[in-house]
PDB file of N, CA and C in Angstrom:
ATOM      1  N   MET A   1      16.769  -1.346   9.546  1.00  0.00           N
ATOM      2  CA  MET A   1      15.370  -1.601   9.810  1.00  0.00           C
ATOM      3  C   MET A   1      15.168  -1.647  11.327  1.00  0.00           C
ATOM      4  N   THR A   2      14.048  -1.080  11.764  1.00  0.00           N
ATOM      5  CA  THR A   2      13.712  -1.125  13.182  1.00  0.00           C
ATOM      6  C   THR A   2      12.545  -2.084  13.388  1.00  0.00           C
ATOM      7  N   ASP A   3      12.136  -2.246  14.614  1.00  0.00           N
ATOM      8  CA  ASP A   3      10.992  -3.112  14.907  1.00  0.00           C
ATOM      9  C   ASP A   3       9.677  -2.338  14.881  1.00  0.00           C
ATOM     10  N   SER A   4       9.691  -1.167  14.334  1.00  0.00           N
ATOM     11  CA  SER A   4       8.502  -0.328  14.353  1.00  0.00           C
ATOM     12  C   SER A   4       7.577  -0.610  13.172  1.00  0.00           C
ATOM     13  N   GLU A   5       6.367  -0.045  13.275  1.00  0.00           N
ATOM     14  CA  GLU A   5       5.384  -0.164  12.211  1.00  0.00           C
ATOM     15  C   GLU A   5       5.234   1.179  11.505  1.00  0.00           C
ATOM     16  N   LEU A   6       5.115   1.117  10.197  1.00  0.00           N
ATOM     17  CA  LEU A   6       4.741   2.289   9.409  1.00  0.00           C
ATOM     18  C   LEU A   6       3.267   2.108   9.096  1.00  0.00           C
ATOM     19  N   ILE A   7       2.442   2.993   9.626  1.00  0.00           N
ATOM     20  CA  ILE A   7       0.999   2.912   9.412  1.00  0.00           C
ATOM     21  C   ILE A   7       0.593   4.024   8.460  1.00  0.00           C
ATOM     22  N   VAL A   8       0.005   3.619   7.338  1.00  0.00           N
ATOM     23  CA  VAL A   8      -0.477   4.565   6.333  1.00  0.00           C
ATOM     24  C   VAL A   8      -1.996   4.444   6.316  1.00  0.00           C
ATOM     25  N   ASP A   9      -2.673   5.467   6.825  1.00  0.00           N
ATOM     26  CA  ASP A   9      -4.126   5.436   6.950  1.00  0.00           C
ATOM     27  C   ASP A   9      -4.748   6.249   5.818  1.00  0.00           C
ATOM     28  N   LEU A  10      -5.321   5.540   4.850  1.00  0.00           N
ATOM     29  CA  LEU A  10      -5.927   6.184   3.679  1.00  0.00           C
ATOM     30  C   LEU A  10      -7.449   6.220   3.785  1.00  0.00           C
ATOM     31  N   ARG A  11      -7.994   5.878   4.950  1.00  0.00           N
ATOM     32  CA  ARG A  11      -9.448   5.913   5.126  1.00  0.00           C
ATOM     33  C   ARG A  11      -9.941   7.342   4.930  1.00  0.00           C
ATOM     34  N   GLY A  12     -11.067   7.451   4.237  1.00  0.00           N
ATOM     35  CA  GLY A  12     -11.632   8.756   3.944  1.00  0.00           C
ATOM     36  C   GLY A  12     -11.125   9.360   2.654  1.00  0.00           C
ATOM     37  N   ARG A  13     -10.095   8.782   2.102  1.00  0.00           N
ATOM     38  CA  ARG A  13      -9.534   9.264   0.846  1.00  0.00           C
ATOM     39  C   ARG A  13     -10.147   8.473  -0.311  1.00  0.00           C
ATOM     40  N   PRO A  14     -10.678   9.171  -1.325  1.00  0.00           N
ATOM     41  CA  PRO A  14     -11.261   8.436  -2.455  1.00  0.00           C
ATOM     42  C   PRO A  14     -10.181   7.739  -3.282  1.00  0.00           C
ATOM     43  N   ILE A  15     -10.287   6.424  -3.373  1.00  0.00           N
ATOM     44  CA  ILE A  15      -9.333   5.632  -4.148  1.00  0.00           C
ATOM     45  C   ILE A  15     -10.152   4.771  -5.100  1.00  0.00           C
ATOM     46  N   GLY A  16     -10.288   5.242  -6.322  1.00  0.00           N
ATOM     47  CA  GLY A  16     -11.084   4.536  -7.306  1.00  0.00           C
ATOM     48  C   GLY A  16     -10.265   3.712  -8.279  1.00  0.00           C
ATOM     49  N   THR A  17      -8.975   4.038  -8.379  1.00  0.00           N
ATOM     50  CA  THR A  17      -8.098   3.375  -9.347  1.00  0.00           C
ATOM     51  C   THR A  17      -6.744   3.106  -8.709  1.00  0.00           C
ATOM     52  N   LEU A  18      -5.936   2.307  -9.390  1.00  0.00           N
ATOM     53  CA  LEU A  18      -4.561   2.108  -8.912  1.00  0.00           C
ATOM     54  C   LEU A  18      -3.784   3.414  -8.927  1.00  0.00           C
ATOM     55  N   ASP A  19      -4.025   4.268  -9.912  1.00  0.00           N
ATOM     56  CA  ASP A  19      -3.336   5.568  -9.933  1.00  0.00           C
ATOM     57  C   ASP A  19      -3.660   6.369  -8.678  1.00  0.00           C
ATOM     58  N   ASP A  20      -4.924   6.309  -8.238  1.00  0.00           N
ATOM     59  CA  ASP A  20      -5.291   6.981  -6.983  1.00  0.00           C
ATOM     60  C   ASP A  20      -4.529   6.381  -5.811  1.00  0.00           C
ATOM     61  N   PHE A  21      -4.370   5.059  -5.808  1.00  0.00           N
ATOM     62  CA  PHE A  21      -3.625   4.398  -4.739  1.00  0.00           C
ATOM     63  C   PHE A  21      -2.169   4.860  -4.749  1.00  0.00           C
ATOM     64  N   TRP A  22      -1.540   4.882  -5.945  1.00  0.00           N
ATOM     65  CA  TRP A  22      -0.140   5.330  -6.019  1.00  0.00           C
ATOM     66  C   TRP A  22      -0.022   6.759  -5.525  1.00  0.00           C
ATOM     67  N   ASP A  23      -0.954   7.634  -5.949  1.00  0.00           N
ATOM     68  CA  ASP A  23      -0.928   9.028  -5.478  1.00  0.00           C
ATOM     69  C   ASP A  23      -1.010   9.086  -3.956  1.00  0.00           C
ATOM     70  N   ALA A  24      -1.843   8.228  -3.374  1.00  0.00           N
ATOM     71  CA  ALA A  24      -2.063   8.252  -1.930  1.00  0.00           C
ATOM     72  C   ALA A  24      -0.867   7.741  -1.131  1.00  0.00           C
ATOM     73  N   VAL A  25      -0.137   6.764  -1.657  1.00  0.00           N
ATOM     74  CA  VAL A  25       0.974   6.183  -0.886  1.00  0.00           C
ATOM     75  C   VAL A  25       2.329   6.827  -1.182  1.00  0.00           C
ATOM     76  N   MET A  26       2.424   7.600  -2.234  1.00  0.00           N
ATOM     77  CA  MET A  26       3.725   8.177  -2.624  1.00  0.00           C
ATOM     78  C   MET A  26       4.412   8.897  -1.458  1.00  0.00           C
ATOM     79  N   GLU A  27       3.742   9.870  -0.893  1.00  0.00           N
ATOM     80  CA  GLU A  27       4.371  10.696   0.133  1.00  0.00           C
ATOM     81  C   GLU A  27       4.549   9.963   1.461  1.00  0.00           C
ATOM     82  N   PRO A  28       3.480   9.339   2.031  1.00  0.00           N
ATOM     83  CA  PRO A  28       3.691   8.701   3.338  1.00  0.00           C
ATOM     84  C   PRO A  28       4.653   7.508   3.305  1.00  0.00           C
ATOM     85  N   CYS A  29       4.790   6.874   2.146  1.00  0.00           N
ATOM     86  CA  CYS A  29       5.723   5.745   2.023  1.00  0.00           C
ATOM     87  C   CYS A  29       7.091   6.182   1.515  1.00  0.00           C
ATOM     88  N   GLY A  30       7.248   7.467   1.222  1.00  0.00           N
ATOM     89  CA  GLY A  30       8.546   7.966   0.764  1.00  0.00           C
ATOM     90  C   GLY A  30       8.993   7.363  -0.553  1.00  0.00           C
ATOM     91  N   LEU A  31       8.046   7.164  -1.465  1.00  0.00           N
ATOM     92  CA  LEU A  31       8.402   6.579  -2.751  1.00  0.00           C
ATOM     93  C   LEU A  31       9.130   7.609  -3.618  1.00  0.00           C
ATOM     94  N   PRO A  32      10.191   7.203  -4.282  1.00  0.00           N
ATOM     95  CA  PRO A  32      10.956   8.143  -5.110  1.00  0.00           C
ATOM     96  C   PRO A  32      10.174   8.533  -6.369  1.00  0.00           C
ATOM     97  N   ASP A  33      10.558   9.653  -6.964  1.00  0.00           N
ATOM     98  CA  ASP A  33       9.896  10.128  -8.184  1.00  0.00           C
ATOM     99  C   ASP A  33       9.937   9.090  -9.293  1.00  0.00           C
ATOM    100  N   TRP A  34      10.966   8.269  -9.308  1.00  0.00           N
ATOM    101  CA  TRP A  34      11.115   7.280 -10.376  1.00  0.00           C
ATOM    102  C   TRP A  34      10.356   5.975 -10.089  1.00  0.00           C
ATOM    103  N   PHE A  35       9.589   5.936  -8.999  1.00  0.00           N
ATOM    104  CA  PHE A  35       8.795   4.742  -8.672  1.00  0.00           C
ATOM    105  C   PHE A  35       7.900   4.382  -9.851  1.00  0.00           C
ATOM    106  N   GLY A  36       7.847   3.117 -10.209  1.00  0.00           N
ATOM    107  CA  GLY A  36       7.181   2.654 -11.416  1.00  0.00           C
ATOM    108  C   GLY A  36       5.667   2.722 -11.455  1.00  0.00           C
ATOM    109  N   ARG A  37       5.009   2.948 -10.304  1.00  0.00           N
ATOM    110  CA  ARG A  37       3.544   3.068 -10.257  1.00  0.00           C
ATOM    111  C   ARG A  37       2.850   1.887 -10.918  1.00  0.00           C
ATOM    112  N   ASN A  38       3.325   0.686 -10.593  1.00  0.00           N
ATOM    113  CA  ASN A  38       2.677  -0.532 -11.081  1.00  0.00           C
ATOM    114  C   ASN A  38       2.834  -1.609 -10.009  1.00  0.00           C
ATOM    115  N   LEU A  39       2.142  -2.708 -10.202  1.00  0.00           N
ATOM    116  CA  LEU A  39       2.123  -3.759  -9.182  1.00  0.00           C
ATOM    117  C   LEU A  39       3.483  -4.416  -8.978  1.00  0.00           C
ATOM    118  N   ASP A  40       4.247  -4.578 -10.040  1.00  0.00           N
ATOM    119  CA  ASP A  40       5.595  -5.152  -9.895  1.00  0.00           C
ATOM    120  C   ASP A  40       6.490  -4.235  -9.073  1.00  0.00           C
ATOM    121  N   ALA A  41       6.402  -2.939  -9.336  1.00  0.00           N
ATOM    122  CA  ALA A  41       7.208  -1.976  -8.586  1.00  0.00           C
ATOM    123  C   ALA A  41       6.799  -1.961  -7.114  1.00  0.00           C
ATOM    124  N   TRP A  42       5.498  -2.064  -6.846  1.00  0.00           N
ATOM    125  CA  TRP A  42       5.026  -2.099  -5.465  1.00  0.00           C
ATOM    126  C   TRP A  42       5.530  -3.353  -4.754  1.00  0.00           C
ATOM    127  N   SER A  43       5.486  -4.489  -5.434  1.00  0.00           N
ATOM    128  CA  SER A  43       6.000  -5.727  -4.858  1.00  0.00           C
ATOM    129  C   SER A  43       7.478  -5.582  -4.522  1.00  0.00           C
ATOM    130  N   ASP A  44       8.242  -5.039  -5.448  1.00  0.00           N
ATOM    131  CA  ASP A  44       9.666  -4.820  -5.186  1.00  0.00           C
ATOM    132  C   ASP A  44       9.859  -3.913  -3.975  1.00  0.00           C
ATOM    133  N   THR A  45       9.003  -2.927  -3.832  1.00  0.00           N
ATOM    134  CA  THR A  45       9.133  -1.943  -2.758  1.00  0.00           C
ATOM    135  C   THR A  45       8.827  -2.532  -1.396  1.00  0.00           C
ATOM    136  N   ILE A  46       7.746  -3.311  -1.290  1.00  0.00           N
ATOM    137  CA  ILE A  46       7.354  -3.786   0.042  1.00  0.00           C
ATOM    138  C   ILE A  46       7.851  -5.186   0.375  1.00  0.00           C
ATOM    139  N   VAL A  47       8.150  -5.991  -0.626  1.00  0.00           N
ATOM    140  CA  VAL A  47       8.613  -7.350  -0.365  1.00  0.00           C
ATOM    141  C   VAL A  47      10.139  -7.405  -0.384  1.00  0.00           C
ATOM    142  N   THR A  48      10.709  -6.962  -1.477  1.00  0.00           N
ATOM    143  CA  THR A  48      12.161  -7.017  -1.630  1.00  0.00           C
ATOM    144  C   THR A  48      12.848  -5.915  -0.835  1.00  0.00           C
ATOM    145  N   ARG A  49      12.169  -4.767  -0.749  1.00  0.00           N
ATOM    146  CA  ARG A  49      12.684  -3.564  -0.074  1.00  0.00           C
ATOM    147  C   ARG A  49      13.857  -2.977  -0.872  1.00  0.00           C
ATOM    148  N   GLY A  50      14.440  -1.900  -0.358  1.00  0.00           N
ATOM    149  CA  GLY A  50      15.561  -1.264  -1.027  1.00  0.00           C
ATOM    150  C   GLY A  50      15.167  -0.123  -1.957  1.00  0.00           C
ATOM    151  N   ILE A  51      13.883   0.213  -2.036  1.00  0.00           N
ATOM    152  CA  ILE A  51      13.433   1.292  -2.919  1.00  0.00           C
ATOM    153  C   ILE A  51      13.031   2.521  -2.114  1.00  0.00           C
ATOM    154  N   SER A  52      12.379   2.305  -0.993  1.00  0.00           N
ATOM    155  CA  SER A  52      11.914   3.407  -0.150  1.00  0.00           C
ATOM    156  C   SER A  52      12.641   3.375   1.184  1.00  0.00           C
ATOM    157  N   GLU A  53      13.377   4.434   1.479  1.00  0.00           N
ATOM    158  CA  GLU A  53      14.061   4.507   2.767  1.00  0.00           C
ATOM    159  C   GLU A  53      13.054   4.551   3.913  1.00  0.00           C
ATOM    160  N   VAL A  54      11.900   5.162   3.672  1.00  0.00           N
ATOM    161  CA  VAL A  54      10.873   5.255   4.714  1.00  0.00           C
ATOM    162  C   VAL A  54      10.359   3.865   5.068  1.00  0.00           C
ATOM    163  N   ILE A  55       9.966   3.096   4.072  1.00  0.00           N
ATOM    164  CA  ILE A  55       9.477   1.735   4.329  1.00  0.00           C
ATOM    165  C   ILE A  55      10.584   0.874   4.922  1.00  0.00           C
ATOM    166  N   ASP A  56      11.784   1.006   4.392  1.00  0.00           N
ATOM    167  CA  ASP A  56      12.901   0.174   4.845  1.00  0.00           C
ATOM    168  C   ASP A  56      13.271   0.414   6.308  1.00  0.00           C
ATOM    169  N   LYS A  57      12.911   1.568   6.852  1.00  0.00           N
ATOM    170  CA  LYS A  57      13.225   1.875   8.254  1.00  0.00           C
ATOM    171  C   LYS A  57      12.270   1.185   9.227  1.00  0.00           C
ATOM    172  N   HIS A  58      11.241   0.554   8.700  1.00  0.00           N
ATOM    173  CA  HIS A  58      10.229  -0.075   9.538  1.00  0.00           C
ATOM    174  C   HIS A  58      10.163  -1.577   9.265  1.00  0.00           C
ATOM    175  N   HIS A  59       9.866  -2.313  10.303  1.00  0.00           N
ATOM    176  CA  HIS A  59       9.746  -3.765  10.159  1.00  0.00           C
ATOM    177  C   HIS A  59       8.423  -4.145   9.498  1.00  0.00           C
ATOM    178  N   VAL A  60       7.376  -3.373   9.796  1.00  0.00           N
ATOM    179  CA  VAL A  60       6.041  -3.703   9.317  1.00  0.00           C
ATOM    180  C   VAL A  60       5.432  -2.482   8.618  1.00  0.00           C
ATOM    181  N   LEU A  61       4.773  -2.735   7.479  1.00  0.00           N
ATOM    182  CA  LEU A  61       3.991  -1.709   6.772  1.00  0.00           C
ATOM    183  C   LEU A  61       2.524  -2.107   6.866  1.00  0.00           C
ATOM    184  N   ILE A  62       1.691  -1.188   7.366  1.00  0.00           N
ATOM    185  CA  ILE A  62       0.252  -1.424   7.454  1.00  0.00           C
ATOM    186  C   ILE A  62      -0.444  -0.298   6.698  1.00  0.00           C
ATOM    187  N   VAL A  63      -1.269  -0.670   5.718  1.00  0.00           N
ATOM    188  CA  VAL A  63      -2.030   0.306   4.946  1.00  0.00           C
ATOM    189  C   VAL A  63      -3.514   0.070   5.204  1.00  0.00           C
ATOM    190  N   HIS A  64      -4.203   1.113   5.673  1.00  0.00           N
ATOM    191  CA  HIS A  64      -5.641   1.063   5.926  1.00  0.00           C
ATOM    192  C   HIS A  64      -6.367   1.755   4.776  1.00  0.00           C
ATOM    193  N   VAL A  65      -7.402   1.106   4.240  1.00  0.00           N
ATOM    194  CA  VAL A  65      -8.234   1.692   3.188  1.00  0.00           C
ATOM    195  C   VAL A  65      -9.699   1.407   3.492  1.00  0.00           C
ATOM    196  N   ASP A  66     -10.569   2.194   2.875  1.00  0.00           N
ATOM    197  CA  ASP A  66     -12.005   1.964   2.975  1.00  0.00           C
ATOM    198  C   ASP A  66     -12.435   0.933   1.944  1.00  0.00           C
ATOM    199  N   GLN A  67     -13.476   0.207   2.274  1.00  0.00           N
ATOM    200  CA  GLN A  67     -14.041  -0.774   1.348  1.00  0.00           C
ATOM    201  C   GLN A  67     -15.001  -0.039   0.405  1.00  0.00           C
ATOM    202  N   ARG A  68     -14.427   0.719  -0.491  1.00  0.00           N
ATOM    203  CA  ARG A  68     -15.184   1.442  -1.518  1.00  0.00           C
ATOM    204  C   ARG A  68     -14.226   1.733  -2.667  1.00  0.00           C
ATOM    205  N   GLY A  69     -14.782   2.181  -3.773  1.00  0.00           N
ATOM    206  CA  GLY A  69     -13.940   2.471  -4.933  1.00  0.00           C
ATOM    207  C   GLY A  69     -13.178   1.233  -5.369  1.00  0.00           C
ATOM    208  N   LEU A  70     -11.876   1.357  -5.477  1.00  0.00           N
ATOM    209  CA  LEU A  70     -11.020   0.257  -5.899  1.00  0.00           C
ATOM    210  C   LEU A  70     -11.196  -0.967  -5.008  1.00  0.00           C
ATOM    211  N   PHE A  71     -11.461  -0.746  -3.726  1.00  0.00           N
ATOM    212  CA  PHE A  71     -11.523  -1.836  -2.748  1.00  0.00           C
ATOM    213  C   PHE A  71     -12.951  -2.251  -2.401  1.00  0.00           C
ATOM    214  N   ALA A  72     -13.911  -1.923  -3.268  1.00  0.00           N
ATOM    215  CA  ALA A  72     -15.316  -2.256  -3.016  1.00  0.00           C
ATOM    216  C   ALA A  72     -15.598  -3.744  -3.188  1.00  0.00           C
ATOM    217  N   GLY A  73     -14.693  -4.447  -3.799  1.00  0.00           N
ATOM    218  CA  GLY A  73     -14.863  -5.887  -3.979  1.00  0.00           C
ATOM    219  C   GLY A  73     -15.021  -6.262  -5.435  1.00  0.00           C
ATOM    220  N   GLY A  74     -14.398  -7.381  -5.809  1.00  0.00           N
ATOM    221  CA  GLY A  74     -14.544  -7.920  -7.151  1.00  0.00           C
ATOM    222  C   GLY A  74     -13.680  -7.292  -8.225  1.00  0.00           C
ATOM    223  N   LYS A  75     -12.840  -6.336  -7.872  1.00  0.00           N
ATOM    224  CA  LYS A  75     -11.979  -5.700  -8.877  1.00  0.00           C
ATOM    225  C   LYS A  75     -10.640  -6.422  -8.918  1.00  0.00           C
ATOM    226  N   ARG A  76     -10.310  -6.911 -10.080  1.00  0.00           N
ATOM    227  CA  ARG A  76      -9.088  -7.710 -10.266  1.00  0.00           C
ATOM    228  C   ARG A  76      -7.843  -6.966  -9.790  1.00  0.00           C
ATOM    229  N   GLU A  77      -7.724  -5.674 -10.156  1.00  0.00           N
ATOM    230  CA  GLU A  77      -6.542  -4.900  -9.748  1.00  0.00           C
ATOM    231  C   GLU A  77      -6.399  -4.870  -8.234  1.00  0.00           C
ATOM    232  N   ALA A  78      -7.514  -4.702  -7.531  1.00  0.00           N
ATOM    233  CA  ALA A  78      -7.471  -4.649  -6.068  1.00  0.00           C
ATOM    234  C   ALA A  78      -7.087  -6.009  -5.493  1.00  0.00           C
ATOM    235  N   GLU A  79      -7.584  -7.071  -6.104  1.00  0.00           N
ATOM    236  CA  GLU A  79      -7.251  -8.412  -5.627  1.00  0.00           C
ATOM    237  C   GLU A  79      -5.763  -8.710  -5.803  1.00  0.00           C
ATOM    238  N   VAL A  80      -5.209  -8.318  -6.952  1.00  0.00           N
ATOM    239  CA  VAL A  80      -3.780  -8.533  -7.196  1.00  0.00           C
ATOM    240  C   VAL A  80      -2.954  -7.679  -6.229  1.00  0.00           C
ATOM    241  N   LEU A  81      -3.353  -6.422  -6.056  1.00  0.00           N
ATOM    242  CA  LEU A  81      -2.662  -5.545  -5.113  1.00  0.00           C
ATOM    243  C   LEU A  81      -2.703  -6.138  -3.706  1.00  0.00           C
ATOM    244  N   ALA A  82      -3.867  -6.573  -3.262  1.00  0.00           N
ATOM    245  CA  ALA A  82      -4.001  -7.158  -1.925  1.00  0.00           C
ATOM    246  C   ALA A  82      -3.132  -8.404  -1.780  1.00  0.00           C
ATOM    247  N   GLY A  83      -2.978  -9.161  -2.855  1.00  0.00           N
ATOM    248  CA  GLY A  83      -2.165 -10.369  -2.819  1.00  0.00           C
ATOM    249  C   GLY A  83      -0.681 -10.102  -2.633  1.00  0.00           C
ATOM    250  N   ILE A  84      -0.246  -8.901  -2.936  1.00  0.00           N
ATOM    251  CA  ILE A  84       1.169  -8.547  -2.752  1.00  0.00           C
ATOM    252  C   ILE A  84       1.495  -8.392  -1.265  1.00  0.00           C
ATOM    253  N   PHE A  85       0.516  -7.940  -0.502  1.00  0.00           N
ATOM    254  CA  PHE A  85       0.699  -7.815   0.941  1.00  0.00           C
ATOM    255  C   PHE A  85       0.709  -9.225   1.533  1.00  0.00           C
ATOM    256  N   ASP A  86       1.721  -9.545   2.329  1.00  0.00           N
ATOM    257  CA  ASP A  86       1.867 -10.908   2.840  1.00  0.00           C
ATOM    258  C   ASP A  86       1.074 -11.173   4.117  1.00  0.00           C
ATOM    259  N   GLY A  87       0.486 -10.146   4.700  1.00  0.00           N
ATOM    260  CA  GLY A  87      -0.295 -10.320   5.912  1.00  0.00           C
ATOM    261  C   GLY A  87       0.534 -10.371   7.175  1.00  0.00           C
ATOM    262  N   ASP A  88       1.843 -10.349   7.036  1.00  0.00           N
ATOM    263  CA  ASP A  88       2.738 -10.394   8.187  1.00  0.00           C
ATOM    264  C   ASP A  88       3.567  -9.117   8.235  1.00  0.00           C
ATOM    265  N   GLN A  89       4.566  -9.041   7.365  1.00  0.00           N
ATOM    266  CA  GLN A  89       5.412  -7.853   7.318  1.00  0.00           C
ATOM    267  C   GLN A  89       4.710  -6.701   6.603  1.00  0.00           C
ATOM    268  N   ASN A  90       3.810  -7.020   5.714  1.00  0.00           N
ATOM    269  CA  ASN A  90       3.080  -6.016   4.949  1.00  0.00           C
ATOM    270  C   ASN A  90       1.602  -6.359   5.008  1.00  0.00           C
ATOM    271  N   ARG A  91       0.791  -5.413   5.508  1.00  0.00           N
ATOM    272  CA  ARG A  91      -0.634  -5.697   5.703  1.00  0.00           C
ATOM    273  C   ARG A  91      -1.490  -4.634   5.028  1.00  0.00           C
ATOM    274  N   LEU A  92      -2.500  -5.086   4.318  1.00  0.00           N
ATOM    275  CA  LEU A  92      -3.531  -4.211   3.785  1.00  0.00           C
ATOM    276  C   LEU A  92      -4.795  -4.508   4.571  1.00  0.00           C
ATOM    277  N   ILE A  93      -5.324  -3.492   5.224  1.00  0.00           N
ATOM    278  CA  ILE A  93      -6.534  -3.664   6.018  1.00  0.00           C
ATOM    279  C   ILE A  93      -7.654  -2.872   5.347  1.00  0.00           C
ATOM    280  N   VAL A  94      -8.670  -3.590   4.880  1.00  0.00           N
ATOM    281  CA  VAL A  94      -9.812  -2.974   4.212  1.00  0.00           C
ATOM    282  C   VAL A  94     -10.932  -2.872   5.226  1.00  0.00           C
ATOM    283  N   HIS A  95     -11.365  -1.646   5.503  1.00  0.00           N
ATOM    284  CA  HIS A  95     -12.381  -1.385   6.508  1.00  0.00           C
ATOM    285  C   HIS A  95     -13.764  -1.305   5.868  1.00  0.00           C
ATOM    286  N   SER A  96     -14.696  -2.077   6.417  1.00  0.00           N
ATOM    287  CA  SER A  96     -16.089  -2.040   5.963  1.00  0.00           C
ATOM    288  C   SER A  96     -16.710  -0.703   6.319  1.00  0.00           C
ATOM    289  N   PRO A  97     -17.670  -0.264   5.501  1.00  0.00           N
ATOM    290  CA  PRO A  97     -18.338   1.001   5.829  1.00  0.00           C
ATOM    291  C   PRO A  97     -19.078   0.892   7.166  1.00  0.00           C
ATOM    292  N   ALA A  98     -19.102   1.989   7.856  1.00  0.00           N
ATOM    293  CA  ALA A  98     -19.766   2.002   9.177  1.00  0.00           C
ATOM    294  C   ALA A  98     -21.266   1.952   9.055  1.00  0.00           C
TER     295      ALA A  98
END
């Protein structure tokens, strides 16, 4: 692991569901084909580490998303997903519409 940040900028990308989120993070996060595409698998990937060599090479993961679709507010799946990010080593930044 290095002291660098992995920044995944998904702004401008339509993310209406968790499946859309998994599709969006697969390549930039280097997730393997066997990645479980669920919240437990994501927690294992960003908290426990050891699943993605790309994420593991960085000290900090920052994911930027727009405040629309899945992240428009009040969606349980988005709240649970956001709760997996610890705000320190793993950050989800939801950007308000301009």
